[in-house]
Amino acid sequence: MSQKYKFKQGARLHGDPQAIGEELERLEWPTAEGIVDAAKDKKNPLHNYFEWDDTEAAAEYRLQQAQYIGRNITVEIEVIGPKGPVVIEFRAFETVNTKTEEEGTEKNKQYVPVKAIFQNEDLLVQVKSRITSVLITASRQLKELAMLTGKYTKAEKHVEKALVEMKK
């Protein structure tokens, strides 16, 4: 069976996705470490997708660590529900772009406390848009899984319902 490899829509990758897909296939279920090892060869099609300057790579890795921290801090609050007090936990900070669209790069993204998001309609729209994108991706992936396995899951129905709710 012939396969045509492509970069995912929105991916910040350039070059030949067919060569990359075929190389990953050739590596037979590689780990991330296996991909890096193969990419060390300058003739490998994966080589140019990596930063080989250790100083630059270390700086990029620290940025990834900072992003990980920002995404993984949560906050708990107690709210009064119909059956009494309930503790809910959610992300304490959301990633938003506080600059204009022309300036919209990764460097303009900031971690804003969720309570500030609720007080700013423009920031709330950004967060809802990101969540909607996640739901669209989940919906597409569940449909693909259903096509491949021939099994529909309840999750598809729930994700579709959530998408409808997000549009309200």
N, C-alpha and C. Protein backbone atom coordinates (compact mmCIF):
# COMPACT_ATOMS: atom_id res chain seq x y z
N MET A 1 0.85 -1.18 0.00
CA MET A 1 0.00 0.00 0.00
C MET A 1 0.90 1.24 0.00
N SER A 2 0.64 2.13 -0.89
CA SER A 2 1.41 3.37 -1.01
C SER A 2 0.82 4.43 -0.08
N GLN A 3 1.67 5.09 0.67
CA GLN A 3 1.22 6.13 1.59
C GLN A 3 1.84 7.46 1.20
N LYS A 4 1.05 8.50 1.29
CA LYS A 4 1.57 9.84 1.03
C LYS A 4 1.67 10.55 2.38
N TYR A 5 2.88 10.88 2.78
CA TYR A 5 3.09 11.58 4.05
C TYR A 5 2.99 13.08 3.84
N LYS A 6 2.41 13.75 4.84
CA LYS A 6 2.29 15.20 4.81
C LYS A 6 2.56 15.71 6.22
N PHE A 7 2.92 16.99 6.33
CA PHE A 7 3.02 17.59 7.65
C PHE A 7 1.62 17.97 8.09
N LYS A 8 1.34 17.80 9.36
CA LYS A 8 0.05 18.15 9.93
C LYS A 8 -0.22 19.63 9.69
N GLN A 9 -1.47 19.96 9.41
CA GLN A 9 -1.84 21.36 9.20
C GLN A 9 -1.47 22.17 10.44
N GLY A 10 -0.79 23.28 10.23
CA GLY A 10 -0.37 24.14 11.31
C GLY A 10 1.01 23.80 11.88
N ALA A 11 1.57 22.66 11.45
CA ALA A 11 2.90 22.27 11.94
C ALA A 11 3.93 23.26 11.41
N ARG A 12 4.89 23.58 12.26
CA ARG A 12 5.96 24.50 11.86
C ARG A 12 7.15 23.71 11.32
N LEU A 13 6.86 22.86 10.35
CA LEU A 13 7.89 22.03 9.73
C LEU A 13 7.90 22.33 8.24
N HIS A 14 9.09 22.32 7.68
CA HIS A 14 9.26 22.57 6.25
C HIS A 14 10.15 21.48 5.69
N GLY A 15 10.07 21.27 4.42
CA GLY A 15 10.91 20.25 3.79
C GLY A 15 10.06 19.17 3.17
N ASP A 16 10.58 17.95 3.17
CA ASP A 16 9.96 16.83 2.49
C ASP A 16 9.31 15.87 3.49
N PRO A 17 8.01 16.00 3.71
CA PRO A 17 7.36 15.11 4.68
C PRO A 17 7.39 13.64 4.24
N GLN A 18 7.43 13.40 2.93
CA GLN A 18 7.49 12.01 2.45
C GLN A 18 8.79 11.35 2.91
N ALA A 19 9.90 12.07 2.77
CA ALA A 19 11.20 11.52 3.20
C ALA A 19 11.21 11.28 4.71
N ILE A 20 10.61 12.18 5.46
CA ILE A 20 10.57 12.03 6.92
C ILE A 20 9.72 10.81 7.30
N GLY A 21 8.53 10.71 6.73
CA GLY A 21 7.66 9.58 7.04
C GLY A 21 8.31 8.25 6.71
N GLU A 22 8.94 8.19 5.54
CA GLU A 22 9.60 6.95 5.13
C GLU A 22 10.77 6.61 6.06
N GLU A 23 11.49 7.63 6.50
CA GLU A 23 12.62 7.39 7.42
C GLU A 23 12.11 6.88 8.76
N LEU A 24 11.05 7.49 9.28
CA LEU A 24 10.49 7.02 10.55
C LEU A 24 9.98 5.59 10.43
N GLU A 25 9.39 5.28 9.29
CA GLU A 25 8.94 3.92 9.06
C GLU A 25 10.12 2.95 9.01
N ARG A 26 11.19 3.37 8.34
CA ARG A 26 12.39 2.54 8.22
C ARG A 26 12.97 2.22 9.61
N LEU A 27 12.84 3.17 10.53
CA LEU A 27 13.38 2.98 11.88
C LEU A 27 12.57 1.99 12.71
N GLU A 28 11.41 1.60 12.22
CA GLU A 28 10.57 0.59 12.87
C GLU A 28 10.25 0.91 14.34
N TRP A 29 9.23 1.68 14.56
CA TRP A 29 8.74 2.02 15.88
C TRP A 29 9.82 2.67 16.74
N PRO A 30 10.40 3.75 16.28
CA PRO A 30 11.51 4.36 17.02
C PRO A 30 11.04 5.09 18.28
N THR A 31 11.93 5.17 19.22
CA THR A 31 11.72 6.03 20.38
C THR A 31 12.20 7.43 19.98
N ALA A 32 11.95 8.43 20.83
CA ALA A 32 12.47 9.76 20.56
C ALA A 32 13.99 9.71 20.49
N GLU A 33 14.60 8.94 21.39
CA GLU A 33 16.06 8.81 21.39
C GLU A 33 16.55 8.18 20.10
N GLY A 34 15.81 7.19 19.59
CA GLY A 34 16.17 6.54 18.34
C GLY A 34 16.11 7.49 17.15
N ILE A 35 15.13 8.38 17.17
CA ILE A 35 15.01 9.37 16.11
C ILE A 35 16.19 10.34 16.15
N VAL A 36 16.55 10.79 17.34
CA VAL A 36 17.70 11.70 17.48
C VAL A 36 18.98 10.99 17.03
N ASP A 37 19.16 9.74 17.44
CA ASP A 37 20.36 9.00 17.04
C ASP A 37 20.46 8.90 15.52
N ALA A 38 19.35 8.58 14.87
CA ALA A 38 19.36 8.47 13.41
C ALA A 38 19.65 9.82 12.77
N ALA A 39 19.11 10.88 13.36
CA ALA A 39 19.26 12.23 12.80
C ALA A 39 20.67 12.78 12.91
N LYS A 40 21.52 12.17 13.74
CA LYS A 40 22.90 12.65 13.88
C LYS A 40 23.67 12.56 12.57
N ASP A 41 23.29 11.60 11.74
CA ASP A 41 23.93 11.45 10.43
C ASP A 41 23.49 12.62 9.54
N LYS A 42 24.45 13.40 9.07
CA LYS A 42 24.14 14.60 8.28
C LYS A 42 23.40 14.29 6.98
N LYS A 43 23.48 13.05 6.51
CA LYS A 43 22.79 12.67 5.28
C LYS A 43 21.35 12.21 5.54
N ASN A 44 21.00 12.01 6.80
CA ASN A 44 19.66 11.55 7.15
C ASN A 44 18.66 12.68 6.93
N PRO A 45 17.48 12.39 6.37
CA PRO A 45 16.49 13.45 6.12
C PRO A 45 15.99 14.12 7.41
N LEU A 46 16.20 13.50 8.54
CA LEU A 46 15.78 14.08 9.82
C LEU A 46 16.78 15.11 10.35
N HIS A 47 18.01 15.08 9.87
CA HIS A 47 19.10 15.86 10.45
C HIS A 47 18.78 17.35 10.60
N ASN A 48 18.24 17.97 9.58
CA ASN A 48 18.02 19.42 9.62
C ASN A 48 16.84 19.85 10.49
N TYR A 49 16.12 18.91 11.05
CA TYR A 49 15.00 19.24 11.93
C TYR A 49 15.44 19.40 13.38
N PHE A 50 16.72 19.24 13.63
CA PHE A 50 17.25 19.34 14.99
C PHE A 50 18.25 20.47 15.11
N GLU A 51 18.32 21.04 16.30
CA GLU A 51 19.33 22.05 16.62
C GLU A 51 20.54 21.30 17.14
N TRP A 52 21.66 21.39 16.42
CA TRP A 52 22.86 20.64 16.80
C TRP A 52 23.85 21.48 17.60
N ASP A 53 23.63 22.77 17.68
CA ASP A 53 24.48 23.62 18.52
C ASP A 53 23.99 23.42 19.96
N ASP A 54 24.83 22.85 20.81
CA ASP A 54 24.40 22.49 22.16
C ASP A 54 23.97 23.70 22.99
N THR A 55 24.59 24.84 22.80
CA THR A 55 24.19 26.04 23.55
C THR A 55 22.79 26.46 23.16
N GLU A 56 22.54 26.51 21.86
CA GLU A 56 21.21 26.89 21.35
C GLU A 56 20.16 25.86 21.77
N ALA A 57 20.51 24.59 21.67
CA ALA A 57 19.57 23.52 22.04
C ALA A 57 19.23 23.59 23.52
N ALA A 58 20.21 23.91 24.35
CA ALA A 58 19.96 24.02 25.79
C ALA A 58 19.00 25.17 26.07
N ALA A 59 19.17 26.29 25.38
CA ALA A 59 18.27 27.43 25.57
C ALA A 59 16.85 27.06 25.15
N GLU A 60 16.71 26.37 24.03
CA GLU A 60 15.39 25.94 23.56
C GLU A 60 14.76 24.96 24.54
N TYR A 61 15.55 24.06 25.09
CA TYR A 61 15.03 23.09 26.05
C TYR A 61 14.54 23.80 27.32
N ARG A 62 15.27 24.80 27.76
CA ARG A 62 14.83 25.55 28.95
C ARG A 62 13.50 26.24 28.70
N LEU A 63 13.30 26.74 27.48
CA LEU A 63 12.01 27.34 27.13
C LEU A 63 10.90 26.29 27.19
N GLN A 64 11.19 25.09 26.72
CA GLN A 64 10.20 24.01 26.80
C GLN A 64 9.89 23.67 28.26
N GLN A 65 10.92 23.69 29.10
CA GLN A 65 10.69 23.42 30.52
C GLN A 65 9.82 24.51 31.15
N ALA A 66 10.08 25.76 30.78
CA ALA A 66 9.28 26.87 31.29
C ALA A 66 7.83 26.73 30.85
N GLN A 67 7.63 26.35 29.59
CA GLN A 67 6.27 26.16 29.08
C GLN A 67 5.58 25.02 29.83
N TYR A 68 6.31 23.97 30.10
CA TYR A 68 5.76 22.84 30.84
C TYR A 68 5.30 23.27 32.23
N ILE A 69 6.12 24.06 32.89
CA ILE A 69 5.75 24.57 34.22
C ILE A 69 4.48 25.41 34.12
N GLY A 70 4.45 26.34 33.18
CA GLY A 70 3.29 27.21 33.02
C GLY A 70 2.00 26.45 32.74
N ARG A 71 2.11 25.35 31.98
CA ARG A 71 0.92 24.55 31.63
C ARG A 71 0.47 23.62 32.75
N ASN A 72 1.33 23.36 33.71
CA ASN A 72 1.03 22.31 34.68
C ASN A 72 0.84 22.79 36.11
N ILE A 73 0.63 24.07 36.29
CA ILE A 73 0.27 24.59 37.61
C ILE A 73 -1.25 24.71 37.66
N THR A 74 -1.84 24.13 38.68
CA THR A 74 -3.30 24.21 38.82
C THR A 74 -3.66 24.96 40.09
N VAL A 75 -4.92 25.27 40.19
CA VAL A 75 -5.43 25.94 41.37
C VAL A 75 -6.73 25.24 41.78
N GLU A 76 -6.93 25.12 43.07
CA GLU A 76 -8.17 24.55 43.58
C GLU A 76 -9.00 25.66 44.21
N ILE A 77 -10.29 25.64 43.93
CA ILE A 77 -11.19 26.57 44.62
C ILE A 77 -12.42 25.80 45.08
N GLU A 78 -13.02 26.31 46.10
CA GLU A 78 -14.24 25.70 46.60
C GLU A 78 -15.42 26.55 46.16
N VAL A 79 -16.36 25.91 45.51
CA VAL A 79 -17.58 26.60 45.06
C VAL A 79 -18.77 25.90 45.69
N ILE A 80 -19.84 26.64 45.80
CA ILE A 80 -21.06 26.05 46.35
C ILE A 80 -21.90 25.53 45.19
N GLY A 81 -22.06 24.21 45.15
CA GLY A 81 -22.87 23.56 44.12
C GLY A 81 -24.25 23.27 44.66
N PRO A 82 -25.11 22.68 43.83
CA PRO A 82 -26.48 22.37 44.26
C PRO A 82 -26.54 21.42 45.45
N LYS A 83 -25.48 20.62 45.64
CA LYS A 83 -25.45 19.67 46.76
C LYS A 83 -24.47 20.09 47.84
N GLY A 84 -24.07 21.36 47.83
CA GLY A 84 -23.14 21.85 48.84
C GLY A 84 -21.79 22.20 48.24
N PRO A 85 -20.78 22.41 49.11
CA PRO A 85 -19.45 22.80 48.65
C PRO A 85 -18.79 21.72 47.78
N VAL A 86 -18.13 22.19 46.72
CA VAL A 86 -17.41 21.30 45.82
C VAL A 86 -16.06 21.94 45.52
N VAL A 87 -15.00 21.15 45.58
CA VAL A 87 -13.67 21.65 45.23
C VAL A 87 -13.42 21.30 43.77
N ILE A 88 -13.07 22.34 42.99
CA ILE A 88 -12.71 22.10 41.59
C ILE A 88 -11.26 22.51 41.37
N GLU A 89 -10.62 21.82 40.46
CA GLU A 89 -9.22 22.09 40.14
C GLU A 89 -9.12 22.40 38.65
N PHE A 90 -8.38 23.43 38.31
CA PHE A 90 -8.19 23.79 36.91
C PHE A 90 -6.85 24.50 36.75
N ARG A 91 -6.46 24.70 35.48
CA ARG A 91 -5.19 25.37 35.20
C ARG A 91 -5.19 26.75 35.84
N ALA A 92 -4.10 27.09 36.50
CA ALA A 92 -3.99 28.39 37.15
C ALA A 92 -3.64 29.49 36.15
N PHE A 93 -2.98 29.12 35.06
CA PHE A 93 -2.53 30.09 34.06
C PHE A 93 -2.92 29.59 32.67
N GLU A 94 -3.31 30.50 31.82
CA GLU A 94 -3.59 30.18 30.43
C GLU A 94 -2.58 30.91 29.56
N THR A 95 -2.21 30.29 28.46
CA THR A 95 -1.29 30.90 27.51
C THR A 95 -2.09 31.75 26.54
N VAL A 96 -1.79 33.03 26.50
CA VAL A 96 -2.48 33.93 25.58
C VAL A 96 -1.48 34.86 24.93
N ASN A 97 -1.89 35.45 23.82
CA ASN A 97 -1.07 36.43 23.13
C ASN A 97 -1.61 37.80 23.49
N THR A 98 -0.83 38.58 24.17
CA THR A 98 -1.28 39.91 24.58
C THR A 98 -0.85 41.00 23.62
N LYS A 99 -0.21 40.60 22.52
CA LYS A 99 0.22 41.56 21.49
C LYS A 99 -0.76 41.52 20.33
N THR A 100 -0.55 42.42 19.37
CA THR A 100 -1.41 42.43 18.20
C THR A 100 -1.09 41.24 17.31
N GLU A 101 -2.00 40.93 16.38
CA GLU A 101 -1.81 39.76 15.51
C GLU A 101 -0.55 39.86 14.68
N GLU A 102 -0.20 41.06 14.22
CA GLU A 102 1.00 41.21 13.41
C GLU A 102 2.23 40.75 14.20
N GLU A 103 2.18 40.93 15.51
CA GLU A 103 3.31 40.55 16.36
C GLU A 103 3.16 39.13 16.89
N GLY A 104 2.12 38.42 16.47
CA GLY A 104 1.76 37.13 17.06
C GLY A 104 2.76 36.02 16.90
N THR A 105 3.81 36.03 17.68
CA THR A 105 4.79 34.95 17.64
C THR A 105 4.81 34.26 19.00
N GLU A 106 5.53 33.17 19.06
CA GLU A 106 5.67 32.44 20.32
C GLU A 106 6.21 33.34 21.43
N LYS A 107 7.06 34.29 21.07
CA LYS A 107 7.67 35.15 22.08
C LYS A 107 6.66 36.11 22.70
N ASN A 108 5.50 36.29 22.07
CA ASN A 108 4.48 37.19 22.61
C ASN A 108 3.48 36.47 23.50
N LYS A 109 3.62 35.17 23.65
CA LYS A 109 2.69 34.43 24.49
C LYS A 109 3.07 34.61 25.95
N GLN A 110 2.05 34.82 26.76
CA GLN A 110 2.27 35.03 28.18
C GLN A 110 1.36 34.10 28.98
N TYR A 111 1.78 33.79 30.19
CA TYR A 111 0.99 32.97 31.10
C TYR A 111 0.20 33.92 31.99
N VAL A 112 -1.10 33.96 31.77
CA VAL A 112 -1.97 34.91 32.46
C VAL A 112 -2.82 34.14 33.47
N PRO A 113 -2.92 34.64 34.70
CA PRO A 113 -3.78 33.96 35.68
C PRO A 113 -5.21 33.85 35.15
N VAL A 114 -5.84 32.71 35.39
CA VAL A 114 -7.18 32.46 34.86
C VAL A 114 -8.16 33.53 35.32
N LYS A 115 -8.01 34.01 36.55
CA LYS A 115 -8.95 35.04 37.02
C LYS A 115 -8.87 36.30 36.16
N ALA A 116 -7.72 36.60 35.60
CA ALA A 116 -7.58 37.75 34.70
C ALA A 116 -8.22 37.46 33.34
N ILE A 117 -8.18 36.21 32.92
CA ILE A 117 -8.79 35.81 31.64
C ILE A 117 -10.28 36.09 31.68
N PHE A 118 -10.92 35.74 32.79
CA PHE A 118 -12.37 35.92 32.91
C PHE A 118 -12.78 37.39 32.90
N GLN A 119 -11.84 38.27 33.17
CA GLN A 119 -12.14 39.71 33.21
C GLN A 119 -11.80 40.42 31.91
N ASN A 120 -11.32 39.68 30.90
CA ASN A 120 -10.90 40.29 29.64
C ASN A 120 -11.48 39.47 28.49
N GLU A 121 -12.47 40.03 27.78
CA GLU A 121 -13.17 39.30 26.73
C GLU A 121 -12.24 38.84 25.61
N ASP A 122 -11.27 39.67 25.22
CA ASP A 122 -10.34 39.28 24.15
C ASP A 122 -9.52 38.05 24.54
N LEU A 123 -9.07 38.02 25.79
CA LEU A 123 -8.28 36.88 26.26
C LEU A 123 -9.15 35.64 26.39
N LEU A 124 -10.39 35.83 26.85
CA LEU A 124 -11.32 34.70 26.97
C LEU A 124 -11.61 34.09 25.60
N VAL A 125 -11.74 34.93 24.59
CA VAL A 125 -11.96 34.43 23.22
C VAL A 125 -10.77 33.57 22.78
N GLN A 126 -9.56 34.00 23.09
CA GLN A 126 -8.36 33.22 22.73
C GLN A 126 -8.38 31.85 23.40
N VAL A 127 -8.72 31.81 24.68
CA VAL A 127 -8.73 30.54 25.41
C VAL A 127 -9.80 29.63 24.84
N LYS A 128 -10.99 30.18 24.58
CA LYS A 128 -12.07 29.38 24.01
C LYS A 128 -11.67 28.85 22.63
N SER A 129 -10.98 29.67 21.86
CA SER A 129 -10.54 29.26 20.53
C SER A 129 -9.55 28.10 20.63
N ARG A 130 -8.62 28.18 21.58
CA ARG A 130 -7.65 27.10 21.77
C ARG A 130 -8.36 25.81 22.19
N ILE A 131 -9.31 25.93 23.11
CA ILE A 131 -10.04 24.75 23.57
C ILE A 131 -10.85 24.15 22.42
N THR A 132 -11.47 25.01 21.62
CA THR A 132 -12.23 24.54 20.46
C THR A 132 -11.32 23.80 19.49
N SER A 133 -10.11 24.30 19.28
CA SER A 133 -9.15 23.62 18.39
C SER A 133 -8.81 22.24 18.93
N VAL A 134 -8.64 22.13 20.24
CA VAL A 134 -8.34 20.84 20.85
C VAL A 134 -9.51 19.88 20.63
N LEU A 135 -10.73 20.38 20.81
CA LEU A 135 -11.91 19.54 20.61
C LEU A 135 -12.06 19.11 19.15
N ILE A 136 -11.78 20.01 18.22
CA ILE A 136 -11.85 19.66 16.80
C ILE A 136 -10.84 18.57 16.48
N THR A 137 -9.63 18.70 17.02
CA THR A 137 -8.61 17.68 16.80
C THR A 137 -9.04 16.34 17.40
N ALA A 138 -9.58 16.39 18.62
CA ALA A 138 -10.04 15.16 19.27
C ALA A 138 -11.17 14.52 18.47
N SER A 139 -12.08 15.31 17.96
CA SER A 139 -13.19 14.80 17.16
C SER A 139 -12.66 14.11 15.90
N ARG A 140 -11.74 14.77 15.21
CA ARG A 140 -11.17 14.19 13.99
C ARG A 140 -10.44 12.88 14.30
N GLN A 141 -9.67 12.86 15.40
CA GLN A 141 -8.92 11.66 15.75
C GLN A 141 -9.85 10.51 16.13
N LEU A 142 -10.94 10.81 16.83
CA LEU A 142 -11.90 9.77 17.20
C LEU A 142 -12.60 9.22 15.96
N LYS A 143 -12.91 10.10 15.01
CA LYS A 143 -13.54 9.63 13.76
C LYS A 143 -12.57 8.76 12.97
N GLU A 144 -11.31 9.15 12.92
CA GLU A 144 -10.30 8.34 12.23
C GLU A 144 -10.17 6.98 12.90
N LEU A 145 -10.15 6.96 14.22
CA LEU A 145 -10.05 5.70 14.95
C LEU A 145 -11.26 4.82 14.65
N ALA A 146 -12.44 5.43 14.62
CA ALA A 146 -13.66 4.67 14.32
C ALA A 146 -13.59 4.08 12.91
N MET A 147 -13.07 4.86 11.95
CA MET A 147 -12.95 4.35 10.58
C MET A 147 -11.95 3.20 10.51
N LEU A 148 -10.85 3.31 11.25
CA LEU A 148 -9.82 2.26 11.22
C LEU A 148 -10.26 1.00 11.94
N THR A 149 -11.01 1.16 13.03
CA THR A 149 -11.39 -0.01 13.83
C THR A 149 -12.81 -0.49 13.55
N GLY A 150 -13.60 0.37 12.92
CA GLY A 150 -15.00 0.01 12.69
C GLY A 150 -15.84 0.12 13.95
N LYS A 151 -15.30 0.78 14.98
CA LYS A 151 -16.03 0.91 16.25
C LYS A 151 -16.25 2.37 16.60
N TYR A 152 -17.49 2.73 16.78
CA TYR A 152 -17.87 4.07 17.21
C TYR A 152 -17.76 4.11 18.73
N THR A 153 -17.28 5.21 19.29
CA THR A 153 -17.18 5.31 20.75
C THR A 153 -18.10 6.41 21.27
N LYS A 154 -18.49 6.28 22.51
CA LYS A 154 -19.31 7.31 23.15
C LYS A 154 -18.55 8.63 23.24
N ALA A 155 -17.23 8.53 23.26
CA ALA A 155 -16.41 9.74 23.36
C ALA A 155 -16.67 10.67 22.18
N GLU A 156 -16.88 10.10 20.98
CA GLU A 156 -17.16 10.94 19.81
C GLU A 156 -18.39 11.81 20.06
N LYS A 157 -19.43 11.21 20.59
CA LYS A 157 -20.67 11.92 20.86
C LYS A 157 -20.44 13.03 21.89
N HIS A 158 -19.66 12.76 22.92
CA HIS A 158 -19.40 13.75 23.96
C HIS A 158 -18.56 14.92 23.42
N VAL A 159 -17.59 14.61 22.59
CA VAL A 159 -16.75 15.66 22.02
C VAL A 159 -17.58 16.54 21.09
N GLU A 160 -18.42 15.92 20.28
CA GLU A 160 -19.29 16.70 19.39
C GLU A 160 -20.23 17.61 20.18
N LYS A 161 -20.76 17.08 21.27
CA LYS A 161 -21.64 17.89 22.14
C LYS A 161 -20.87 19.07 22.73
N ALA A 162 -19.63 18.81 23.16
CA ALA A 162 -18.81 19.88 23.72
C ALA A 162 -18.52 20.96 22.67
N LEU A 163 -18.29 20.55 21.43
CA LEU A 163 -18.05 21.53 20.36
C LEU A 163 -19.27 22.42 20.15
N VAL A 164 -20.45 21.83 20.18
CA VAL A 164 -21.68 22.61 20.04
C VAL A 164 -21.80 23.61 21.18
N GLU A 165 -21.49 23.16 22.39
CA GLU A 165 -21.58 24.04 23.57
C GLU A 165 -20.59 25.18 23.49
N MET A 166 -19.40 24.93 22.96
CA MET A 166 -18.37 25.98 22.85
C MET A 166 -18.80 27.08 21.89
N LYS A 167 -19.62 26.74 20.93
CA LYS A 167 -20.07 27.74 19.93
C LYS A 167 -21.16 28.67 20.48
N LYS A 168 -21.72 28.32 21.62
CA LYS A 168 -22.80 29.14 22.21
C LYS A 168 -22.25 30.40 22.85
